[in-house]
C-alpha atoms as a PDB file:
ATOM      1  CA  MET A   1      45.031 107.058  45.507  1.00  0.00           C
ATOM      2  CA  THR A   2      43.586 110.280  46.805  1.00  0.00           C
ATOM      3  CA  TYR A   3      43.395 111.783  50.266  1.00  0.00           C
ATOM      4  CA  ILE A   4      41.165 114.574  51.525  1.00  0.00           C
ATOM      5  CA  VAL A   5      42.963 117.425  53.293  1.00  0.00           C
ATOM      6  CA  SER A   6      40.916 120.450  54.418  1.00  0.00           C
ATOM      7  CA  MET A   7      38.188 119.708  51.818  1.00  0.00           C
ATOM      8  CA  ARG A   8      40.825 119.638  49.063  1.00  0.00           C
ATOM      9  CA  GLU A   9      41.572 116.434  47.181  1.00  0.00           C
ATOM     10  CA  VAL A  10      45.266 115.563  46.968  1.00  0.00           C
ATOM     11  CA  ASP A  11      46.499 112.955  44.490  1.00  0.00           C
ATOM     12  CA  LEU A  12      49.222 111.079  46.355  1.00  0.00           C
ATOM     13  CA  ARG A  13      50.385 109.417  43.126  1.00  0.00           C
ATOM     14  CA  ARG A  14      52.028 112.671  42.050  1.00  0.00           C
ATOM     15  CA  ILE A  15      54.056 113.035  45.230  1.00  0.00           C
ATOM     16  CA  ASP A  16      57.620 111.658  45.268  1.00  0.00           C
ATOM     17  CA  LEU A  17      58.491 110.484  48.790  1.00  0.00           C
ATOM     18  CA  ASN A  18      62.086 111.579  48.122  1.00  0.00           C
ATOM     19  CA  LEU A  19      60.782 115.140  47.893  1.00  0.00           C
ATOM     20  CA  LEU A  20      59.526 114.873  51.474  1.00  0.00           C
ATOM     21  CA  VAL A  21      62.960 113.653  52.568  1.00  0.00           C
ATOM     22  CA  ALA A  22      64.493 116.622  50.780  1.00  0.00           C
ATOM     23  CA  LEU A  23      61.934 118.911  52.422  1.00  0.00           C
ATOM     24  CA  GLU A  24      62.969 117.721  55.880  1.00  0.00           C
ATOM     25  CA  ALA A  25      66.626 118.409  55.173  1.00  0.00           C
ATOM     26  CA  LEU A  26      65.854 121.876  53.717  1.00  0.00           C
ATOM     27  CA  LEU A  27      63.695 122.868  56.687  1.00  0.00           C
ATOM     28  CA  ASP A  28      66.221 121.574  59.181  1.00  0.00           C
ATOM     29  CA  GLU A  29      69.281 123.194  57.554  1.00  0.00           C
ATOM     30  CA  LYS A  30      67.627 126.364  56.169  1.00  0.00           C
ATOM     31  CA  ASN A  31      70.424 126.281  53.632  1.00  0.00           C
ATOM     32  CA  VAL A  32      70.359 124.622  50.192  1.00  0.00           C
ATOM     33  CA  THR A  33      74.074 123.767  50.127  1.00  0.00           C
ATOM     34  CA  ARG A  34      74.051 122.103  53.595  1.00  0.00           C
ATOM     35  CA  ALA A  35      70.841 120.252  52.747  1.00  0.00           C
ATOM     36  CA  ALA A  36      72.454 118.960  49.544  1.00  0.00           C
ATOM     37  CA  LEU A  37      75.435 117.642  51.518  1.00  0.00           C
ATOM     38  CA  ARG A  38      73.147 115.937  54.018  1.00  0.00           C
ATOM     39  CA  LEU A  39      71.114 114.356  51.190  1.00  0.00           C
ATOM     40  CA  GLY A  40      74.178 113.311  49.202  1.00  0.00           C
ATOM     41  CA  MET A  41      73.136 115.284  46.109  1.00  0.00           C
ATOM     42  CA  SER A  42      74.492 118.265  44.208  1.00  0.00           C
ATOM     43  CA  GLN A  43      73.527 121.841  45.099  1.00  0.00           C
ATOM     44  CA  PRO A  44      71.639 122.363  41.811  1.00  0.00           C
ATOM     45  CA  ALA A  45      69.663 119.163  42.444  1.00  0.00           C
ATOM     46  CA  ALA A  46      68.720 120.408  45.895  1.00  0.00           C
ATOM     47  CA  SER A  47      67.678 123.768  44.407  1.00  0.00           C
ATOM     48  CA  ARG A  48      65.470 121.939  41.866  1.00  0.00           C
ATOM     49  CA  ALA A  49      63.922 119.951  44.692  1.00  0.00           C
ATOM     50  CA  LEU A  50      63.153 123.176  46.533  1.00  0.00           C
ATOM     51  CA  GLY A  51      61.504 124.532  43.402  1.00  0.00           C
ATOM     52  CA  ARG A  52      59.309 121.428  43.048  1.00  0.00           C
ATOM     53  CA  LEU A  53      58.356 121.649  46.728  1.00  0.00           C
ATOM     54  CA  ARG A  54      57.425 125.277  46.387  1.00  0.00           C
ATOM     55  CA  ALA A  55      55.158 124.362  43.492  1.00  0.00           C
ATOM     56  CA  LEU A  56      53.690 121.427  45.393  1.00  0.00           C
ATOM     57  CA  PHE A  57      52.888 123.506  48.488  1.00  0.00           C
ATOM     58  CA  SER A  58      52.123 126.735  46.654  1.00  0.00           C
ATOM     59  CA  ASP A  59      54.395 128.409  49.223  1.00  0.00           C
ATOM     60  CA  ALA A  60      57.990 129.704  49.279  1.00  0.00           C
ATOM     61  CA  LEU A  61      58.778 127.480  52.344  1.00  0.00           C
ATOM     62  CA  LEU A  62      62.173 129.159  52.767  1.00  0.00           C
ATOM     63  CA  VAL A  63      62.200 132.946  52.665  1.00  0.00           C
ATOM     64  CA  ASP A  64      64.984 135.480  52.959  1.00  0.00           C
ATOM     65  CA  GLY A  65      65.794 136.565  56.494  1.00  0.00           C
ATOM     66  CA  PRO A  66      68.713 138.061  58.482  1.00  0.00           C
ATOM     67  CA  GLY A  67      71.807 136.134  57.562  1.00  0.00           C
ATOM     68  CA  GLY A  68      70.048 133.578  55.342  1.00  0.00           C
ATOM     69  CA  TYR A  69      66.791 131.675  54.963  1.00  0.00           C
ATOM     70  CA  ILE A  70      64.066 131.419  57.572  1.00  0.00           C
ATOM     71  CA  LEU A  71      60.983 129.196  57.502  1.00  0.00           C
ATOM     72  CA  SER A  72      57.718 130.561  56.140  1.00  0.00           C
ATOM     73  CA  ALA A  73      54.610 130.275  58.305  1.00  0.00           C
ATOM     74  CA  ARG A  74      53.466 127.337  56.158  1.00  0.00           C
ATOM     75  CA  ALA A  75      56.829 125.582  56.596  1.00  0.00           C
ATOM     76  CA  GLU A  76      56.551 125.987  60.378  1.00  0.00           C
ATOM     77  CA  GLU A  77      53.153 124.284  60.246  1.00  0.00           C
ATOM     78  CA  VAL A  78      54.378 121.483  57.988  1.00  0.00           C
ATOM     79  CA  ARG A  79      57.607 120.660  59.835  1.00  0.00           C
ATOM     80  CA  PRO A  80      56.308 118.656  62.864  1.00  0.00           C
ATOM     81  CA  VAL A  81      53.757 116.810  60.700  1.00  0.00           C
ATOM     82  CA  LEU A  82      56.482 115.956  58.149  1.00  0.00           C
ATOM     83  CA  ARG A  83      58.709 114.492  60.855  1.00  0.00           C
ATOM     84  CA  ARG A  84      55.912 112.273  62.134  1.00  0.00           C
ATOM     85  CA  ILE A  85      55.126 111.097  58.622  1.00  0.00           C
ATOM     86  CA  LEU A  86      58.716 110.204  57.781  1.00  0.00           C
ATOM     87  CA  ALA A  87      59.223 108.486  61.138  1.00  0.00           C
ATOM     88  CA  GLY A  88      56.038 106.482  60.491  1.00  0.00           C
ATOM     89  CA  VAL A  89      57.225 105.426  57.047  1.00  0.00           C
ATOM     90  CA  GLY A  90      60.496 104.268  58.506  1.00  0.00           C
ATOM     91  CA  GLU A  91      58.695 102.210  61.138  1.00  0.00           C
ATOM     92  CA  ILE A  92      56.491 100.600  58.452  1.00  0.00           C
ATOM     93  CA  LEU A  93      59.479  99.613  56.371  1.00  0.00           C
ATOM     94  CA  GLU A  94      61.336  98.107  59.350  1.00  0.00           C
ATOM     95  CA  ALA A  95      58.261  96.620  61.012  1.00  0.00           C
ATOM     96  CA  ASN A  96      59.210  92.982  60.466  1.00  0.00           C
ATOM     97  CA  ALA A  97      62.939  93.067  61.069  1.00  0.00           C
ATOM     98  CA  PHE A  98      65.992  95.284  61.396  1.00  0.00           C
ATOM     99  CA  ASP A  99      69.425  94.108  60.408  1.00  0.00           C
ATOM    100  CA  PRO A 100      72.062  96.567  61.596  1.00  0.00           C
ATOM    101  CA  ALA A 101      74.691  94.902  59.423  1.00  0.00           C
ATOM    102  CA  THR A 102      72.886  96.029  56.254  1.00  0.00           C
ATOM    103  CA  ALA A 103      71.012  99.073  57.549  1.00  0.00           C
ATOM    104  CA  THR A 104      71.680 102.473  55.941  1.00  0.00           C
ATOM    105  CA  GLY A 105      70.677 106.001  56.838  1.00  0.00           C
ATOM    106  CA  ARG A 106      71.441 108.399  59.673  1.00  0.00           C
ATOM    107  CA  ILE A 107      70.887 108.309  63.425  1.00  0.00           C
ATOM    108  CA  ARG A 108      70.080 111.667  64.986  1.00  0.00           C
ATOM    109  CA  LEU A 109      71.128 111.759  68.626  1.00  0.00           C
ATOM    110  CA  LEU A 110      70.739 114.718  70.957  1.00  0.00           C
ATOM    111  CA  MET A 111      73.660 115.054  73.386  1.00  0.00           C
ATOM    112  CA  PRO A 112      75.569 117.939  75.031  1.00  0.00           C
ATOM    113  CA  ASP A 113      79.136 118.265  73.810  1.00  0.00           C
ATOM    114  CA  LEU A 114      80.480 117.470  77.297  1.00  0.00           C
ATOM    115  CA  GLN A 115      79.009 114.002  77.111  1.00  0.00           C
ATOM    116  CA  ALA A 116      79.521 113.590  73.339  1.00  0.00           C
ATOM    117  CA  ALA A 117      83.253 114.020  73.865  1.00  0.00           C
ATOM    118  CA  VAL A 118      83.532 110.860  75.944  1.00  0.00           C
ATOM    119  CA  LEU A 119      80.583 108.698  74.820  1.00  0.00           C
ATOM    120  CA  THR A 120      80.608 109.163  71.047  1.00  0.00           C
ATOM    121  CA  PRO A 121      83.938 107.391  70.376  1.00  0.00           C
ATOM    122  CA  HIS A 122      82.583 104.264  72.040  1.00  0.00           C
ATOM    123  CA  LEU A 123      79.292 104.520  70.168  1.00  0.00           C
ATOM    124  CA  LEU A 124      81.153 104.916  66.866  1.00  0.00           C
ATOM    125  CA  ALA A 125      83.139 101.806  67.664  1.00  0.00           C
ATOM    126  CA  ARG A 126      79.874  99.937  68.167  1.00  0.00           C
ATOM    127  CA  LEU A 127      78.505 101.200  64.884  1.00  0.00           C
ATOM    128  CA  ALA A 128      81.686 100.227  63.072  1.00  0.00           C
ATOM    129  CA  ARG A 129      81.329  96.634  64.338  1.00  0.00           C
ATOM    130  CA  GLU A 130      77.556  96.206  64.141  1.00  0.00           C
ATOM    131  CA  ALA A 131      76.167  98.755  61.663  1.00  0.00           C
ATOM    132  CA  PRO A 132      78.979  99.996  59.398  1.00  0.00           C
ATOM    133  CA  SER A 133      76.630 101.731  56.900  1.00  0.00           C
ATOM    134  CA  LEU A 134      74.708 103.737  59.463  1.00  0.00           C
ATOM    135  CA  ASP A 135      75.858 107.351  59.982  1.00  0.00           C
ATOM    136  CA  LEU A 136      75.493 109.511  63.080  1.00  0.00           C
ATOM    137  CA  ASP A 137      74.433 113.108  63.699  1.00  0.00           C
ATOM    138  CA  ILE A 138      75.173 114.465  67.191  1.00  0.00           C
ATOM    139  CA  VAL A 139      73.116 117.609  67.897  1.00  0.00           C
ATOM    140  CA  ALA A 140      73.162 119.762  71.013  1.00  0.00           C
ATOM    141  CA  PRO A 141      69.741 119.426  72.683  1.00  0.00           C
ATOM    142  CA  GLY A 142      69.638 123.050  73.873  1.00  0.00           C
ATOM    143  CA  THR A 143      66.411 123.822  75.723  1.00  0.00           C
ATOM    144  CA  ASN A 144      64.117 121.912  73.358  1.00  0.00           C
ATOM    145  CA  GLY A 145      65.406 118.341  73.553  1.00  0.00           C
ATOM    146  CA  ILE A 146      62.184 116.815  74.872  1.00  0.00           C
ATOM    147  CA  GLU A 147      60.175 118.707  72.221  1.00  0.00           C
ATOM    148  CA  ALA A 148      62.475 117.365  69.512  1.00  0.00           C
ATOM    149  CA  LEU A 149      61.796 113.805  70.703  1.00  0.00           C
ATOM    150  CA  GLU A 150      58.044 114.498  70.746  1.00  0.00           C
ATOM    151  CA  GLN A 151      58.127 115.864  67.190  1.00  0.00           C
ATOM    152  CA  GLY A 152      60.242 113.033  65.866  1.00  0.00           C
ATOM    153  CA  ALA A 153      63.172 115.353  65.100  1.00  0.00           C
ATOM    154  CA  ALA A 154      65.630 113.030  66.878  1.00  0.00           C
ATOM    155  CA  ASP A 155      65.932 109.331  67.544  1.00  0.00           C
ATOM    156  CA  ALA A 156      67.062 109.606  71.160  1.00  0.00           C
ATOM    157  CA  MET A 157      68.685 111.950  73.694  1.00  0.00           C
ATOM    158  CA  VAL A 158      71.478 111.550  76.202  1.00  0.00           C
ATOM    159  CA  ALA A 159      71.220 114.215  78.890  1.00  0.00           C
ATOM    160  CA  LEU A 160      70.675 115.091  82.510  1.00  0.00           C
ATOM    161  CA  ILE A 161      66.902 114.631  82.796  1.00  0.00           C
ATOM    162  CA  ASP A 162      65.240 115.379  86.133  1.00  0.00           C
ATOM    163  CA  GLU A 163      61.659 114.887  84.935  1.00  0.00           C
ATOM    164  CA  ALA A 164      60.205 113.460  81.738  1.00  0.00           C
ATOM    165  CA  PRO A 165      56.691 114.265  80.509  1.00  0.00           C
ATOM    166  CA  ALA A 166      54.188 111.597  79.512  1.00  0.00           C
ATOM    167  CA  GLY A 167      55.251 109.827  76.342  1.00  0.00           C
ATOM    168  CA  ILE A 168      58.962 110.129  77.027  1.00  0.00           C
ATOM    169  CA  GLN A 169      60.747 106.974  78.163  1.00  0.00           C
ATOM    170  CA  ARG A 170      64.133 107.007  79.832  1.00  0.00           C
ATOM    171  CA  ARG A 171      66.700 104.824  81.550  1.00  0.00           C
ATOM    172  CA  ARG A 172      69.843 105.446  83.516  1.00  0.00           C
ATOM    173  CA  LEU A 173      73.107 105.333  81.568  1.00  0.00           C
ATOM    174  CA  TYR A 174      75.833 106.236  84.075  1.00  0.00           C
ATOM    175  CA  ASP A 175      76.555 108.421  87.084  1.00  0.00           C
ATOM    176  CA  GLU A 176      78.991 111.307  87.161  1.00  0.00           C
ATOM    177  CA  GLU A 177      80.816 113.255  89.867  1.00  0.00           C
ATOM    178  CA  LEU A 178      82.266 116.718  89.474  1.00  0.00           C
ATOM    179  CA  VAL A 179      85.977 117.448  89.813  1.00  0.00           C
ATOM    180  CA  THR A 180      88.091 120.582  89.581  1.00  0.00           C
ATOM    181  CA  LEU A 181      90.605 120.862  86.764  1.00  0.00           C
ATOM    182  CA  MET A 182      93.554 123.241  86.501  1.00  0.00           C
ATOM    183  CA  ARG A 183      96.664 123.402  84.410  1.00  0.00           C
ATOM    184  CA  ALA A 184      99.786 121.592  85.506  1.00  0.00           C
ATOM    185  CA  HIS A 185     102.102 123.874  87.514  1.00  0.00           C
ATOM    186  CA  HIS A 186      99.157 126.110  88.476  1.00  0.00           C
ATOM    187  CA  PRO A 187     100.148 128.325  91.486  1.00  0.00           C
ATOM    188  CA  ALA A 188      97.187 126.984  93.457  1.00  0.00           C
ATOM    189  CA  LEU A 189      98.763 123.529  93.479  1.00  0.00           C
ATOM    190  CA  ALA A 190     101.347 124.767  95.983  1.00  0.00           C
ATOM    191  CA  GLY A 191      98.941 124.123  98.862  1.00  0.00           C
ATOM    192  CA  LYS A 192      95.694 122.443  99.755  1.00  0.00           C
ATOM    193  CA  LEU A 193      92.673 123.550  97.737  1.00  0.00           C
ATOM    194  CA  THR A 194      90.459 124.848 100.530  1.00  0.00           C
ATOM    195  CA  LEU A 195      87.076 126.425  99.895  1.00  0.00           C
ATOM    196  CA  ASP A 196      88.441 129.917 100.492  1.00  0.00           C
ATOM    197  CA  ARG A 197      91.299 129.369  98.020  1.00  0.00           C
ATOM    198  CA  PHE A 198      88.838 127.805  95.527  1.00  0.00           C
ATOM    199  CA  LEU A 199      86.589 130.869  95.737  1.00  0.00           C
ATOM    200  CA  ALA A 200      89.547 133.239  95.410  1.00  0.00           C
ATOM    201  CA  LEU A 201      90.449 131.772  91.998  1.00  0.00           C
ATOM    202  CA  GLU A 202      88.842 132.726  88.713  1.00  0.00           C
ATOM    203  CA  HIS A 203      86.625 130.142  87.068  1.00  0.00           C
ATOM    204  CA  ILE A 204      85.532 128.985  83.590  1.00  0.00           C
ATOM    205  CA  VAL A 205      81.946 127.762  83.145  1.00  0.00           C
ATOM    206  CA  VAL A 206      80.788 125.763  80.140  1.00  0.00           C
ATOM    207  CA  SER A 207      77.314 127.017  79.259  1.00  0.00           C
ATOM    208  CA  VAL A 208      75.477 126.497  75.983  1.00  0.00           C
ATOM    209  CA  THR A 209      73.135 129.436  76.628  1.00  0.00           C
ATOM    210  CA  GLY A 210      75.731 131.694  78.315  1.00  0.00           C
ATOM    211  CA  VAL A 211      73.363 132.553  81.154  1.00  0.00           C
ATOM    212  CA  GLY A 212      72.130 131.025  84.362  1.00  0.00           C
ATOM    213  CA  PRO A 213      73.889 129.464  87.338  1.00  0.00           C
ATOM    214  CA  ALA A 214      76.004 126.337  87.032  1.00  0.00           C
ATOM    215  CA  PRO A 215      75.509 123.500  89.558  1.00  0.00           C
ATOM    216  CA  VAL A 216      78.527 124.744  91.532  1.00  0.00           C
ATOM    217  CA  ASP A 217      76.991 128.184  91.899  1.00  0.00           C
ATOM    218  CA  GLU A 218      73.674 126.724  93.035  1.00  0.00           C
ATOM    219  CA  VAL A 219      75.456 124.823  95.814  1.00  0.00           C
ATOM    220  CA  LEU A 220      77.453 127.866  96.770  1.00  0.00           C
ATOM    221  CA  ALA A 221      74.324 130.011  96.881  1.00  0.00           C
ATOM    222  CA  ARG A 222      72.790 127.644  99.431  1.00  0.00           C
ATOM    223  CA  MET A 223      75.969 128.110 101.505  1.00  0.00           C
ATOM    224  CA  GLY A 224      75.749 131.896 101.188  1.00  0.00           C
ATOM    225  CA  ARG A 225      78.979 131.971  99.146  1.00  0.00           C
ATOM    226  CA  THR A 226      79.869 133.036  95.620  1.00  0.00           C
ATOM    227  CA  ARG A 227      82.736 132.584  93.202  1.00  0.00           C
ATOM    228  CA  ARG A 228      83.950 134.715  90.309  1.00  0.00           C
ATOM    229  CA  VAL A 229      83.038 133.257  86.943  1.00  0.00           C
ATOM    230  CA  LYS A 230      85.624 135.020  84.815  1.00  0.00           C
ATOM    231  CA  LEU A 231      84.594 133.334  81.581  1.00  0.00           C
ATOM    232  CA  ARG A 232      81.660 131.454  80.077  1.00  0.00           C
ATOM    233  CA  VAL A 233      82.222 129.432  76.934  1.00  0.00           C
ATOM    234  CA  PRO A 234      79.748 127.336  74.902  1.00  0.00           C
ATOM    235  CA  ASN A 235      81.714 124.092  74.739  1.00  0.00           C
ATOM    236  CA  PHE A 236      84.108 121.847  76.565  1.00  0.00           C
ATOM    237  CA  PHE A 237      86.929 121.993  74.051  1.00  0.00           C
ATOM    238  CA  ALA A 238      87.230 125.766  74.209  1.00  0.00           C
ATOM    239  CA  ALA A 239      87.243 125.607  78.019  1.00  0.00           C
ATOM    240  CA  VAL A 240      90.009 123.005  78.079  1.00  0.00           C
ATOM    241  CA  GLU A 241      92.262 124.912  75.736  1.00  0.00           C
ATOM    242  CA  ILE A 242      91.777 128.158  77.666  1.00  0.00           C
ATOM    243  CA  ALA A 243      92.371 126.445  81.019  1.00  0.00           C
ATOM    244  CA  ALA A 244      95.608 124.944  79.654  1.00  0.00           C
ATOM    245  CA  ARG A 245      96.923 128.422  78.851  1.00  0.00           C
ATOM    246  CA  SER A 246      95.735 130.414  81.860  1.00  0.00           C
ATOM    247  CA  ASP A 247      95.227 130.330  85.619  1.00  0.00           C
ATOM    248  CA  LEU A 248      91.475 129.936  85.213  1.00  0.00           C
ATOM    249  CA  ILE A 249      90.126 126.688  86.708  1.00  0.00           C
ATOM    250  CA  MET A 250      87.026 124.679  85.803  1.00  0.00           C
ATOM    251  CA  THR A 251      84.774 122.176  87.568  1.00  0.00           C
ATOM    252  CA  LEU A 252      83.394 119.525  85.265  1.00  0.00           C
ATOM    253  CA  PRO A 253      82.276 115.872  85.052  1.00  0.00           C
ATOM    254  CA  SER A 254      84.981 113.418  86.152  1.00  0.00           C
ATOM    255  CA  SER A 255      84.924 111.435  82.877  1.00  0.00           C
ATOM    256  CA  LEU A 256      85.840 114.591  80.947  1.00  0.00           C
ATOM    257  CA  ALA A 257      88.503 115.588  83.439  1.00  0.00           C
ATOM    258  CA  ARG A 258      90.126 112.163  82.957  1.00  0.00           C
ATOM    259  CA  ALA A 259      90.051 112.644  79.206  1.00  0.00           C
ATOM    260  CA  ALA A 260      91.646 116.050  79.546  1.00  0.00           C
ATOM    261  CA  ALA A 261      94.226 114.761  82.030  1.00  0.00           C
ATOM    262  CA  ASP A 262      95.401 112.293  79.392  1.00  0.00           C
ATOM    263  CA  MET A 263      96.903 115.301  77.647  1.00  0.00           C
ATOM    264  CA  ARG A 264      99.293 115.661  80.633  1.00  0.00           C
ATOM    265  CA  ARG A 265      98.539 119.331  80.787  1.00  0.00           C
ATOM    266  CA  PHE A 266      96.211 119.241  83.795  1.00  0.00           C
ATOM    267  CA  VAL A 267      95.784 118.220  87.407  1.00  0.00           C
ATOM    268  CA  SER A 268      92.349 116.987  88.581  1.00  0.00           C
ATOM    269  CA  LEU A 269      91.322 117.573  92.225  1.00  0.00           C
ATOM    270  CA  PRO A 270      88.208 116.928  94.274  1.00  0.00           C
ATOM    271  CA  PRO A 271      86.362 120.235  94.736  1.00  0.00           C
ATOM    272  CA  PRO A 272      86.438 121.586  98.302  1.00  0.00           C
ATOM    273  CA  LEU A 273      82.647 121.364  98.677  1.00  0.00           C
ATOM    274  CA  ASP A 274      80.086 118.601  98.403  1.00  0.00           C
ATOM    275  CA  LEU A 275      78.615 118.737  94.900  1.00  0.00           C
ATOM    276  CA  GLY A 276      77.095 115.246  95.003  1.00  0.00           C
ATOM    277  CA  SER A 277      76.691 113.236  91.800  1.00  0.00           C
ATOM    278  CA  PHE A 278      74.287 113.320  88.856  1.00  0.00           C
ATOM    279  CA  THR A 279      72.860 110.757  86.504  1.00  0.00           C
ATOM    280  CA  MET A 280      73.031 110.841  82.729  1.00  0.00           C
ATOM    281  CA  SER A 281      69.966 109.225  81.132  1.00  0.00           C
ATOM    282  CA  LEU A 282      68.943 107.948  77.746  1.00  0.00           C
ATOM    283  CA  ALA A 283      65.500 109.219  76.611  1.00  0.00           C
ATOM    284  CA  TRP A 284      63.269 108.376  73.670  1.00  0.00           C
ATOM    285  CA  HIS A 285      59.629 108.708  72.633  1.00  0.00           C
ATOM    286  CA  ALA A 286      57.159 105.962  73.544  1.00  0.00           C
ATOM    287  CA  ARG A 287      56.095 105.530  69.929  1.00  0.00           C
ATOM    288  CA  GLN A 288      59.576 104.160  69.207  1.00  0.00           C
ATOM    289  CA  GLN A 289      59.538 101.763  72.152  1.00  0.00           C
ATOM    290  CA  ASP A 290      58.983  98.622  70.081  1.00  0.00           C
ATOM    291  CA  ALA A 291      60.488  99.638  66.749  1.00  0.00           C
ATOM    292  CA  PRO A 292      63.332  97.162  65.946  1.00  0.00           C
ATOM    293  CA  ARG A 293      65.686  99.888  64.759  1.00  0.00           C
ATOM    294  CA  HIS A 294      65.244 101.827  67.982  1.00  0.00           C
ATOM    295  CA  ILE A 295      65.518  98.783  70.182  1.00  0.00           C
ATOM    296  CA  TRP A 296      68.903  98.086  68.571  1.00  0.00           C
ATOM    297  CA  LEU A 297      69.902 101.763  68.891  1.00  0.00           C
ATOM    298  CA  ARG A 298      69.122 101.924  72.578  1.00  0.00           C
ATOM    299  CA  ARG A 299      71.040  98.723  73.225  1.00  0.00           C
ATOM    300  CA  ALA A 300      74.024 100.135  71.294  1.00  0.00           C
ATOM    301  CA  ILE A 301      73.995 103.365  73.322  1.00  0.00           C
ATOM    302  CA  VAL A 302      73.749 101.495  76.646  1.00  0.00           C
ATOM    303  CA  ALA A 303      76.587  99.195  75.572  1.00  0.00           C
ATOM    304  CA  ALA A 304      78.691 102.192  74.528  1.00  0.00           C
ATOM    305  CA  ALA A 305      78.105 103.786  77.960  1.00  0.00           C
ATOM    306  CA  MET A 306      79.280 100.557  79.588  1.00  0.00           C
ATOM    307  CA  ASP A 307      82.371 100.489  77.345  1.00  0.00           C
ATOM    308  CA  MET A 308      83.082 104.094  78.328  1.00  0.00           C
ATOM    309  CA  SER A 309      82.769 103.317  82.047  1.00  0.00           C
ATOM    310  CA  SER A 310      85.066 100.327  81.708  1.00  0.00           C
ATOM    311  CA  ALA A 311      87.694 102.343  79.885  1.00  0.00           C
ATOM    312  CA  ILE A 312      87.570 105.048  82.575  1.00  0.00           C
ATOM    313  CA  ALA A 313      87.936 102.404  85.315  1.00  0.00           C
ATOM    314  CA  VAL A 314      91.035 100.981  83.636  1.00  0.00           C
ATOM    315  CA  LYS A 315      92.650 104.438  83.432  1.00  0.00           C
ATOM    316  CA  SER A 316      91.831 105.337  87.027  1.00  0.00           C
END
């Protein structure tokens, strides 16, 4: 079988589909050793695959850059097309049926670490019961989560999504409120946490990018008030450990505060201002709407969110 690409005839019989799977891992990881681990092969085998790919594409694909490999211009062009091709192959193979009990492979789910901390254990429990041979990659969505869904770089995303472009489907998972967390025996616990006392304290903010206002600061700005953000950290676990060992306080989703309070190191209080609530949503691309594998995955994520909510209700 041959296929015409840019007036050049390509013989598809000489292309090993496994090479394209290896190419996806190499372009995602930009590291031969990590790609080998992801593919379940040895590092020399991954290096040989890279060599074959370089010959196939007549391009280096991965080139030396600051601190490691970066993608060549050709690799940047190939990457989104490759993801669409591999996603299409997967949909062809599962077109008639999907049996989670026998399914293998990896699920790639975009989710901030704040939500991953409380939702993932319930999702893993679902996978253990229904799809024991499926594995899970949780990846921080950053600022390009929607783009990753559009390019087929992820199966689904759990996030706070105000607006979704055409082609992106979404549904509500659960609602969250914000609470203020401080260490047990914090001096501020001696009296009522008024707004003035709240603003006089030093705060931790969890921020993946390290810049920009948090929801609390946006509300305060509308009130003409400010607080001192003493520290920004990129993830929830760092914030919790620091708060446990200092007088810094943090305002975070209630489900996470309850998880932290289980450690008996913290006290959770309602913040002294109206921060409202927000909705966490599940999002996916429309091309996966009717794929059996994705129908099952979405149901599993929704069920895991319900399990999480039930567990929180029991503890409250």
